Amino acid sequence: MTAADVSAPDGATRPGAPPAAPAAAAPADKGADPFVSFTSSDRFATVGEIFEAARRALPPPVWDFLDGGSGGEQTLRANLSSFERWSVLPRLMTGAGEPDLTRTFLGIELSMPVLTSPFGADRLLHRDGQLAVARANAKAGVASIVPEAGSYSWEEVATAAPGAARIAQLHPMGNPANFAAMLRRAADIGFSAVCLTLDCPTAGWRERNMRNRFDVDVDVVSGNYPHAGPADLAGTLGQLFVRREPIWTWDELAERMADSPLPWLAKGVLTGADAVAAARAGAAAVLVSNHGGRQLDAVPAALDQLPQIVAALGGQVPVALDSGIRRGGDVVKALALGADVVVLGRAAAMALAAGGEEGVSRLLELFREEISTTVKLLGAAGVDELTGEMIRPAAGRAVPGW
């Protein structure tokens, strides 16, 4: 089965179809004027509602493609449970005011320490794909990492939301001449940085896709290569399509990035040794990630590896984290453990599937509100005050390295 064979139920968010209309809000109690309200008239009141709406909107094979992991999905489960192994410690009576959530990452000013990941095949989830994600990010004051293997070209996404489409993603593989040409193209478009996904020497072993006989069609991953067929993409995206190509070395990567006019982010790092190697090869930042459990199964949760990577780098370069982040409280824990920013992958993709630009905008609102609430309850004046003193392993839960 291919993406072209999949049909969604009427009203579902799918390529070529508009998102379902918002449900009517319940009438408000005119006599009530609560000091604090935890109700919402928005279409989605919680992040959980967004995820459930995405599940309902997508055909089952596409949901499995989005929700699933590799192998037996051990790492997928570990990513989620890793956040529960940490407790936070508030400071009382600090006099802190409204929290400052702003942060700068690779020269990019962010209204909160959040970016969205370069998930490809985005038109499978919603007809507007990464265009909608970038527009929502622009409204929220956060940034998109725009995929190489996306449904829309870098130029199209940058035109849709130039203030948000700030980082272009590339796979360091395939034809070196194409890689060099894409680096020049990213600079010419006006991107601020490049994200290199290092953990894809080949596609992961994804059994949900196998059981569903589901293959992603070329047209939803070739936005940057509109005239390319499978054979052409094998020459540009290399090991993602042809498993026999050799993996580049750190020295080769350093040499091929030496003339890049843009700083680069090393995505997919899970060890202190690789973090240091990336910095030595010229990386301006490191993204601690296991690809959301979609590549090599049985690797540790990304959050579990974050402290050792932060320690190994010793402040040489900033550190980002993705994999397993499902709520604003998760973001706060990651920042307290040393991350400078987080990158939302599945959460943003599910929000896109649930409601297009509106869904992603609501997700970012909910993340912002929970981050702000959590920072305030911790007694911090902003995200810059989140430190290791505010977090510890939860009672009775073992944390690797602690």
Protein backbone atom coordinates (compact mmCIF):
# COMPACT_ATOMS: atom_id res chain seq x y z
CA MET A 1 0.00 0.00 0.00
CA THR A 2 1.22 3.47 -0.83
CA ALA A 3 0.10 6.88 0.34
CA ALA A 4 -1.93 7.19 -2.86
CA ASP A 5 -3.95 4.12 -1.85
CA VAL A 6 -5.00 5.60 1.48
CA SER A 7 -8.33 7.36 1.82
CA ALA A 8 -9.48 9.19 4.90
CA PRO A 9 -13.06 9.28 6.17
CA ASP A 10 -15.19 12.25 5.16
CA GLY A 11 -14.24 15.39 7.05
CA ALA A 12 -10.79 14.10 8.01
CA THR A 13 -7.71 16.21 7.56
CA ARG A 14 -5.87 14.70 4.62
CA PRO A 15 -4.00 15.82 1.51
CA GLY A 16 -6.36 17.78 -0.70
CA ALA A 17 -9.12 18.14 1.89
CA PRO A 18 -9.78 20.99 4.32
CA PRO A 19 -9.66 20.39 8.06
CA ALA A 20 -12.87 19.48 9.77
CA ALA A 21 -14.90 22.44 11.01
CA PRO A 22 -14.47 23.30 14.69
CA ALA A 23 -17.12 21.94 16.98
CA ALA A 24 -19.47 24.56 18.38
CA ALA A 25 -18.47 25.81 21.80
CA ALA A 26 -20.80 25.23 24.71
CA PRO A 27 -22.65 28.40 25.74
CA ALA A 28 -20.96 30.27 28.54
CA ASP A 29 -22.60 30.82 31.90
CA LYS A 30 -23.38 34.53 31.73
CA GLY A 31 -23.61 34.77 35.49
CA ALA A 32 -20.20 33.29 36.14
CA ASP A 33 -17.12 35.49 36.39
CA PRO A 34 -14.43 33.19 37.78
CA PHE A 35 -11.12 34.62 38.97
CA VAL A 36 -9.28 31.70 37.37
CA SER A 37 -10.79 29.53 34.66
CA PHE A 38 -9.43 26.22 33.46
CA THR A 39 -12.07 25.87 30.76
CA SER A 40 -11.53 26.89 27.18
CA SER A 41 -13.80 27.78 24.30
CA ASP A 42 -11.04 26.89 21.87
CA ARG A 43 -11.39 23.88 19.63
CA PHE A 44 -8.69 22.06 21.59
CA ALA A 45 -8.58 22.51 25.37
CA THR A 46 -5.55 20.27 25.95
CA VAL A 47 -2.62 18.81 24.05
CA GLY A 48 -4.17 15.38 24.59
CA GLU A 49 -7.26 16.47 22.67
CA ILE A 50 -5.04 17.50 19.76
CA PHE A 51 -3.40 14.09 19.65
CA GLU A 52 -6.75 12.31 19.78
CA ALA A 53 -8.10 14.51 16.99
CA ALA A 54 -5.09 13.61 14.87
CA ARG A 55 -5.72 9.90 15.42
CA ARG A 56 -9.34 10.30 14.33
CA ALA A 57 -8.44 12.43 11.31
CA LEU A 58 -5.85 10.16 9.74
CA PRO A 59 -6.36 6.86 7.95
CA PRO A 60 -4.97 4.03 10.13
CA PRO A 61 -1.85 3.38 7.98
CA VAL A 62 -0.93 7.07 8.05
CA TRP A 63 -1.55 7.23 11.81
CA ASP A 64 0.78 4.27 12.27
CA PHE A 65 3.38 6.01 10.08
CA LEU A 66 3.19 9.06 12.35
CA ASP A 67 2.72 7.41 15.74
CA GLY A 68 4.97 4.39 15.28
CA GLY A 69 8.62 3.76 16.02
CA SER A 70 11.27 1.35 14.86
CA GLY A 71 11.77 -2.29 15.80
CA GLY A 72 9.84 -3.29 18.92
CA GLU A 73 9.37 0.41 19.79
CA GLN A 74 11.42 0.12 23.00
CA THR A 75 12.98 3.56 22.44
CA LEU A 76 9.63 5.11 21.55
CA ARG A 77 8.28 4.02 24.94
CA ALA A 78 11.47 5.02 26.76
CA ASN A 79 11.28 8.55 25.39
CA LEU A 80 7.87 9.06 26.96
CA SER A 81 8.63 7.42 30.30
CA SER A 82 11.95 9.25 30.70
CA PHE A 83 10.25 12.51 31.64
CA GLU A 84 8.39 10.75 34.46
CA ARG A 85 11.70 9.77 36.07
CA TRP A 86 12.36 13.38 37.08
CA SER A 87 10.84 15.56 39.80
CA VAL A 88 11.11 19.34 40.05
CA LEU A 89 11.83 21.39 43.19
CA PRO A 90 10.21 24.82 43.55
CA ARG A 91 11.66 27.85 45.32
CA LEU A 92 9.17 29.79 47.44
CA MET A 93 8.65 33.52 47.97
CA THR A 94 11.16 34.56 45.31
CA GLY A 95 9.42 37.75 44.25
CA ALA A 96 9.50 36.63 40.62
CA GLY A 97 7.12 38.34 38.22
CA GLU A 98 5.70 37.20 34.90
CA PRO A 99 8.22 34.69 33.50
CA ASP A 100 10.49 35.68 30.62
CA LEU A 101 10.39 32.79 28.14
CA THR A 102 12.51 34.38 25.40
CA ARG A 103 15.71 32.81 24.18
CA THR A 104 18.17 33.21 21.30
CA PHE A 105 19.44 30.11 19.49
CA LEU A 106 21.97 30.25 16.64
CA GLY A 107 21.25 33.95 16.40
CA ILE A 108 17.50 33.35 16.05
CA GLU A 109 15.32 35.21 18.54
CA LEU A 110 12.53 33.04 19.95
CA SER A 111 9.53 34.06 22.04
CA MET A 112 9.94 30.77 23.90
CA PRO A 113 12.65 28.07 23.69
CA VAL A 114 10.84 25.98 21.09
CA LEU A 115 11.39 25.05 17.43
CA THR A 116 9.57 22.54 15.24
CA SER A 117 11.32 19.60 13.65
CA PRO A 118 11.96 18.91 9.96
CA PHE A 119 9.42 16.11 9.62
CA GLY A 120 8.93 15.22 5.98
CA ALA A 121 6.07 13.67 4.01
CA ASP A 122 4.08 16.49 5.61
CA ARG A 123 1.32 16.62 3.00
CA LEU A 124 0.26 13.17 4.17
CA LEU A 125 -0.92 14.85 7.36
CA HIS A 126 -2.52 17.99 5.95
CA ARG A 127 -2.70 19.53 2.51
CA ASP A 128 -0.71 22.60 3.65
CA GLY A 129 2.03 20.60 5.39
CA GLN A 130 5.05 22.58 6.53
CA LEU A 131 3.53 25.75 5.06
CA ALA A 132 0.93 25.63 7.83
CA VAL A 133 3.54 24.79 10.47
CA ALA A 134 5.70 27.74 9.47
CA ARG A 135 2.76 30.15 9.45
CA ALA A 136 1.74 29.06 12.93
CA ASN A 137 5.33 29.35 14.12
CA ALA A 138 5.56 32.89 12.74
CA LYS A 139 2.49 33.92 14.70
CA ALA A 140 3.93 32.34 17.85
CA GLY A 141 7.41 33.80 17.44
CA VAL A 142 9.20 30.45 17.14
CA ALA A 143 11.18 28.86 14.32
CA SER A 144 10.79 26.01 11.83
CA ILE A 145 13.50 23.59 10.81
CA VAL A 146 12.40 23.08 7.19
CA PRO A 147 12.89 19.54 5.82
CA GLU A 148 14.87 18.46 2.80
CA ALA A 149 12.50 15.52 2.21
CA GLY A 150 9.35 17.59 2.63
CA SER A 151 6.28 18.01 0.45
CA TYR A 152 7.08 21.66 -0.24
CA SER A 153 10.32 23.27 -1.30
CA TRP A 154 12.46 25.35 1.02
CA GLU A 155 11.54 28.36 -1.13
CA GLU A 156 7.81 27.76 -0.75
CA VAL A 157 8.02 27.44 3.04
CA ALA A 158 10.31 30.46 3.35
CA THR A 159 7.92 32.52 1.22
CA ALA A 160 4.94 31.41 3.32
CA ALA A 161 6.58 32.48 6.60
CA PRO A 162 10.00 34.12 6.20
CA GLY A 163 10.13 35.06 9.87
CA ALA A 164 9.78 31.45 10.99
CA ALA A 165 11.51 29.41 8.26
CA ARG A 166 14.98 30.01 9.65
CA ILE A 167 16.80 26.66 9.54
CA ALA A 168 17.10 24.35 6.52
CA GLN A 169 17.57 20.63 7.10
CA LEU A 170 19.87 18.39 5.06
CA HIS A 171 20.96 14.76 5.11
CA PRO A 172 24.78 14.46 4.92
CA MET A 173 24.75 11.63 2.43
CA GLY A 174 24.40 10.89 -1.23
CA ASN A 175 26.17 12.87 -3.93
CA PRO A 176 28.61 15.40 -2.36
CA ALA A 177 28.08 17.76 -5.30
CA ASN A 178 24.34 17.85 -4.62
CA PHE A 179 25.03 18.39 -0.92
CA ALA A 180 27.25 21.38 -1.71
CA ALA A 181 24.64 22.77 -4.09
CA MET A 182 21.95 22.47 -1.44
CA LEU A 183 24.13 24.34 1.08
CA ARG A 184 24.47 27.19 -1.41
CA ARG A 185 20.75 27.08 -2.08
CA ALA A 186 19.97 27.37 1.64
CA ALA A 187 22.21 30.40 1.95
CA ASP A 188 20.72 32.04 -1.16
CA ILE A 189 17.18 31.61 0.20
CA GLY A 190 18.22 33.42 3.36
CA PHE A 191 18.17 30.70 5.99
CA SER A 192 20.08 31.48 9.19
CA ALA A 193 21.48 27.98 9.78
CA VAL A 194 21.49 24.39 8.53
CA CYS A 195 20.41 21.32 10.51
CA LEU A 196 22.28 18.15 9.49
CA THR A 197 20.45 14.94 10.40
CA LEU A 198 23.26 12.52 11.25
CA ASP A 199 21.30 9.50 12.52
CA CYS A 200 19.88 8.33 9.18
CA PRO A 201 22.57 6.17 7.56
CA THR A 202 19.51 4.31 6.33
CA ALA A 203 15.80 4.31 7.12
CA GLY A 204 14.75 2.68 10.38
CA TRP A 205 13.16 -0.78 10.64
CA ARG A 206 9.51 0.25 10.96
CA GLU A 207 7.28 -2.75 11.40
CA ARG A 208 3.99 -0.88 11.57
CA ASN A 209 4.62 0.31 8.02
CA MET A 210 5.59 -3.22 7.01
CA ARG A 211 2.41 -4.73 8.47
CA ASN A 212 0.34 -2.09 6.68
CA ARG A 213 2.24 -2.59 3.39
CA PHE A 214 2.66 1.17 3.53
CA ASP A 215 5.20 3.07 1.45
CA VAL A 216 5.52 6.83 1.26
CA ASP A 217 5.03 8.13 -2.27
CA VAL A 218 7.86 10.08 -3.86
CA ASP A 219 5.67 13.12 -4.46
CA VAL A 220 5.25 13.86 -0.74
CA VAL A 221 8.99 13.84 -0.02
CA SER A 222 10.33 15.52 -3.15
CA GLY A 223 9.29 19.14 -2.71
CA ASN A 224 12.92 20.21 -3.03
CA TYR A 225 13.42 17.90 -6.02
CA PRO A 226 10.18 18.36 -8.01
CA HIS A 227 11.38 16.55 -11.13
CA ALA A 228 13.05 13.67 -9.33
CA GLY A 229 11.95 10.06 -9.50
CA PRO A 230 13.03 7.29 -7.13
CA ALA A 231 16.31 6.77 -8.99
CA ASP A 232 17.12 10.48 -8.87
CA LEU A 233 16.34 10.69 -5.16
CA ALA A 234 18.65 7.75 -4.55
CA GLY A 235 21.44 9.90 -5.93
CA THR A 236 20.61 12.87 -3.72
CA LEU A 237 19.24 11.40 -0.50
CA GLY A 238 21.54 8.39 -0.70
CA GLN A 239 21.10 5.86 2.08
CA LEU A 240 17.47 6.73 2.72
CA PHE A 241 16.69 4.98 -0.56
CA VAL A 242 19.75 2.81 -1.26
CA ARG A 243 21.08 0.87 1.72
CA ARG A 244 24.44 0.05 0.18
CA GLU A 245 26.05 3.51 0.21
CA PRO A 246 28.85 4.14 2.71
CA ILE A 247 28.34 6.48 5.65
CA TRP A 248 30.32 9.72 5.67
CA THR A 249 33.03 10.21 8.31
CA TRP A 250 33.46 13.17 10.67
CA ASP A 251 36.47 14.27 8.63
CA GLU A 252 34.48 14.15 5.39
CA LEU A 253 31.64 16.07 6.99
CA ALA A 254 34.01 18.73 8.35
CA GLU A 255 35.61 19.13 4.94
CA ARG A 256 32.27 19.41 3.14
CA MET A 257 30.97 21.98 5.66
CA ALA A 258 34.17 24.04 5.76
CA ASP A 259 33.02 26.48 3.09
CA SER A 260 29.41 26.70 4.24
CA PRO A 261 28.36 30.31 4.87
CA LEU A 262 25.82 29.10 7.44
CA PRO A 263 26.36 27.67 10.94
CA TRP A 264 25.19 24.10 11.35
CA LEU A 265 23.36 22.04 13.94
CA ALA A 266 24.27 18.36 14.44
CA LYS A 267 21.01 16.40 14.88
CA GLY A 268 20.87 12.86 16.25
CA VAL A 269 23.63 12.99 18.88
CA LEU A 270 23.27 10.55 21.82
CA THR A 271 26.73 10.36 23.40
CA GLY A 272 29.19 12.80 24.86
CA ALA A 273 31.87 11.50 22.50
CA ASP A 274 29.78 12.21 19.40
CA ALA A 275 28.81 15.63 20.75
CA VAL A 276 32.48 16.55 21.13
CA ALA A 277 33.26 15.10 17.68
CA ALA A 278 30.48 17.21 16.15
CA ALA A 279 31.82 20.36 17.79
CA ARG A 280 35.32 19.55 16.54
CA ALA A 281 33.92 19.07 13.04
CA GLY A 282 32.53 22.59 13.20
CA ALA A 283 28.98 22.21 14.54
CA ALA A 284 27.65 25.43 16.04
CA ALA A 285 25.08 23.50 18.11
CA VAL A 286 24.10 19.92 18.96
CA LEU A 287 20.61 18.41 18.92
CA VAL A 288 20.28 15.49 21.33
CA SER A 289 17.85 13.16 19.60
CA ASN A 290 17.05 9.55 18.83
CA HIS A 291 14.74 10.58 15.98
CA GLY A 292 11.72 10.10 18.19
CA GLY A 293 12.42 6.37 18.40
CA ARG A 294 12.02 6.01 14.64
CA GLN A 295 15.57 5.01 13.68
CA LEU A 296 17.65 2.59 15.80
CA ASP A 297 15.53 0.85 18.40
CA ALA A 298 16.83 0.11 21.93
CA VAL A 299 18.97 3.24 22.15
CA PRO A 300 18.45 5.27 25.35
CA ALA A 301 15.85 7.96 25.74
CA ALA A 302 17.22 11.28 24.52
CA LEU A 303 16.43 12.97 27.85
CA ASP A 304 18.51 10.35 29.70
CA GLN A 305 21.52 11.25 27.56
CA LEU A 306 21.13 15.01 27.84
CA PRO A 307 23.06 15.59 31.11
CA GLN A 308 26.17 13.71 29.97
CA ILE A 309 26.20 15.53 26.64
CA VAL A 310 25.84 18.92 28.31
CA ALA A 311 28.72 18.00 30.63
CA ALA A 312 30.91 16.72 27.80
CA LEU A 313 30.46 19.91 25.78
CA GLY A 314 31.11 22.14 28.77
CA GLY A 315 29.38 25.11 27.20
CA GLN A 316 31.32 24.98 23.90
CA VAL A 317 28.11 25.07 21.86
CA PRO A 318 24.39 25.30 22.69
CA VAL A 319 22.36 22.13 23.09
CA ALA A 320 18.86 21.34 21.83
CA LEU A 321 16.70 18.31 22.66
CA ASP A 322 13.94 16.44 20.89
CA SER A 323 12.25 13.02 21.28
CA GLY A 324 9.41 12.37 23.69
CA ILE A 325 8.32 15.96 24.39
CA ARG A 326 4.55 16.01 24.73
CA ARG A 327 3.77 18.96 27.01
CA GLY A 328 5.09 22.23 28.40
CA GLY A 329 6.23 20.59 31.62
CA ASP A 330 8.53 18.35 29.58
CA VAL A 331 10.15 21.45 28.09
CA VAL A 332 10.86 22.83 31.56
CA LYS A 333 12.52 19.57 32.66
CA ALA A 334 14.71 19.55 29.55
CA LEU A 335 15.81 23.14 30.15
CA ALA A 336 16.58 22.43 33.81
CA LEU A 337 18.78 19.52 32.70
CA GLY A 338 20.81 21.79 30.44
CA ALA A 339 19.03 22.11 27.09
CA ASP A 340 18.95 25.59 25.59
CA VAL A 341 15.90 24.87 23.43
CA VAL A 342 13.64 21.96 22.53
CA VAL A 343 12.42 20.79 19.13
CA LEU A 344 8.86 19.51 18.73
CA GLY A 345 8.47 16.62 16.29
CA ARG A 346 5.48 14.33 16.70
CA ALA A 347 3.60 16.91 18.77
CA ALA A 348 3.77 19.44 15.92
CA ALA A 349 3.02 16.79 13.30
CA MET A 350 -0.05 15.61 15.22
CA ALA A 351 -1.24 19.18 15.63
CA LEU A 352 -0.87 19.66 11.88
CA ALA A 353 -2.95 16.53 11.25
CA ALA A 354 -5.56 17.60 13.79
CA GLY A 355 -6.19 21.06 12.43
CA GLY A 356 -3.60 22.44 10.05
CA GLU A 357 -2.30 25.90 10.92
CA GLU A 358 -4.99 26.31 13.58
CA GLY A 359 -3.97 23.05 15.22
CA VAL A 360 -0.28 23.98 15.35
CA SER A 361 -1.12 27.45 16.66
CA ARG A 362 -3.21 25.98 19.45
CA LEU A 363 -0.48 23.48 20.33
CA LEU A 364 2.04 26.30 20.68
CA GLU A 365 -0.38 28.32 22.80
CA LEU A 366 -0.86 25.38 25.16
CA PHE A 367 2.89 24.76 25.37
CA ARG A 368 3.51 28.43 26.10
CA GLU A 369 0.85 28.56 28.80
CA GLU A 370 2.11 25.43 30.55
CA ILE A 371 5.77 26.47 30.33
CA SER A 372 4.91 29.85 31.81
CA THR A 373 2.78 28.33 34.57
CA THR A 374 5.45 25.78 35.49
CA VAL A 375 8.27 28.35 35.52
CA LYS A 376 6.19 30.62 37.76
CA LEU A 377 5.32 27.77 40.14
CA LEU A 378 9.02 26.91 40.36
CA GLY A 379 9.70 30.44 41.57
CA ALA A 380 11.86 31.38 38.59
CA ALA A 381 11.82 34.72 36.83
CA GLY A 382 12.23 33.07 33.45
CA VAL A 383 13.70 30.17 31.55
CA ASP A 384 17.22 31.48 32.15
CA GLU A 385 16.81 30.66 35.85
CA LEU A 386 15.99 26.99 35.28
CA THR A 387 18.97 25.06 36.64
CA GLY A 388 19.94 21.60 37.81
CA GLU A 389 19.13 22.63 41.38
CA MET A 390 15.45 22.59 40.45
CA ILE A 391 15.33 18.98 39.25
CA ARG A 392 16.24 15.59 40.65
CA PRO A 393 15.47 11.92 39.97
CA ALA A 394 11.97 11.01 41.14
CA ALA A 395 11.78 8.85 44.25
CA GLY A 396 12.03 5.18 43.41
CA ARG A 397 12.89 5.79 39.75
CA ALA A 398 16.36 4.99 38.48
CA VAL A 399 17.93 7.54 36.14
CA PRO A 400 20.96 6.42 34.09
CA GLY A 401 24.14 8.07 35.29
CA TRP A 402 22.67 9.29 38.60
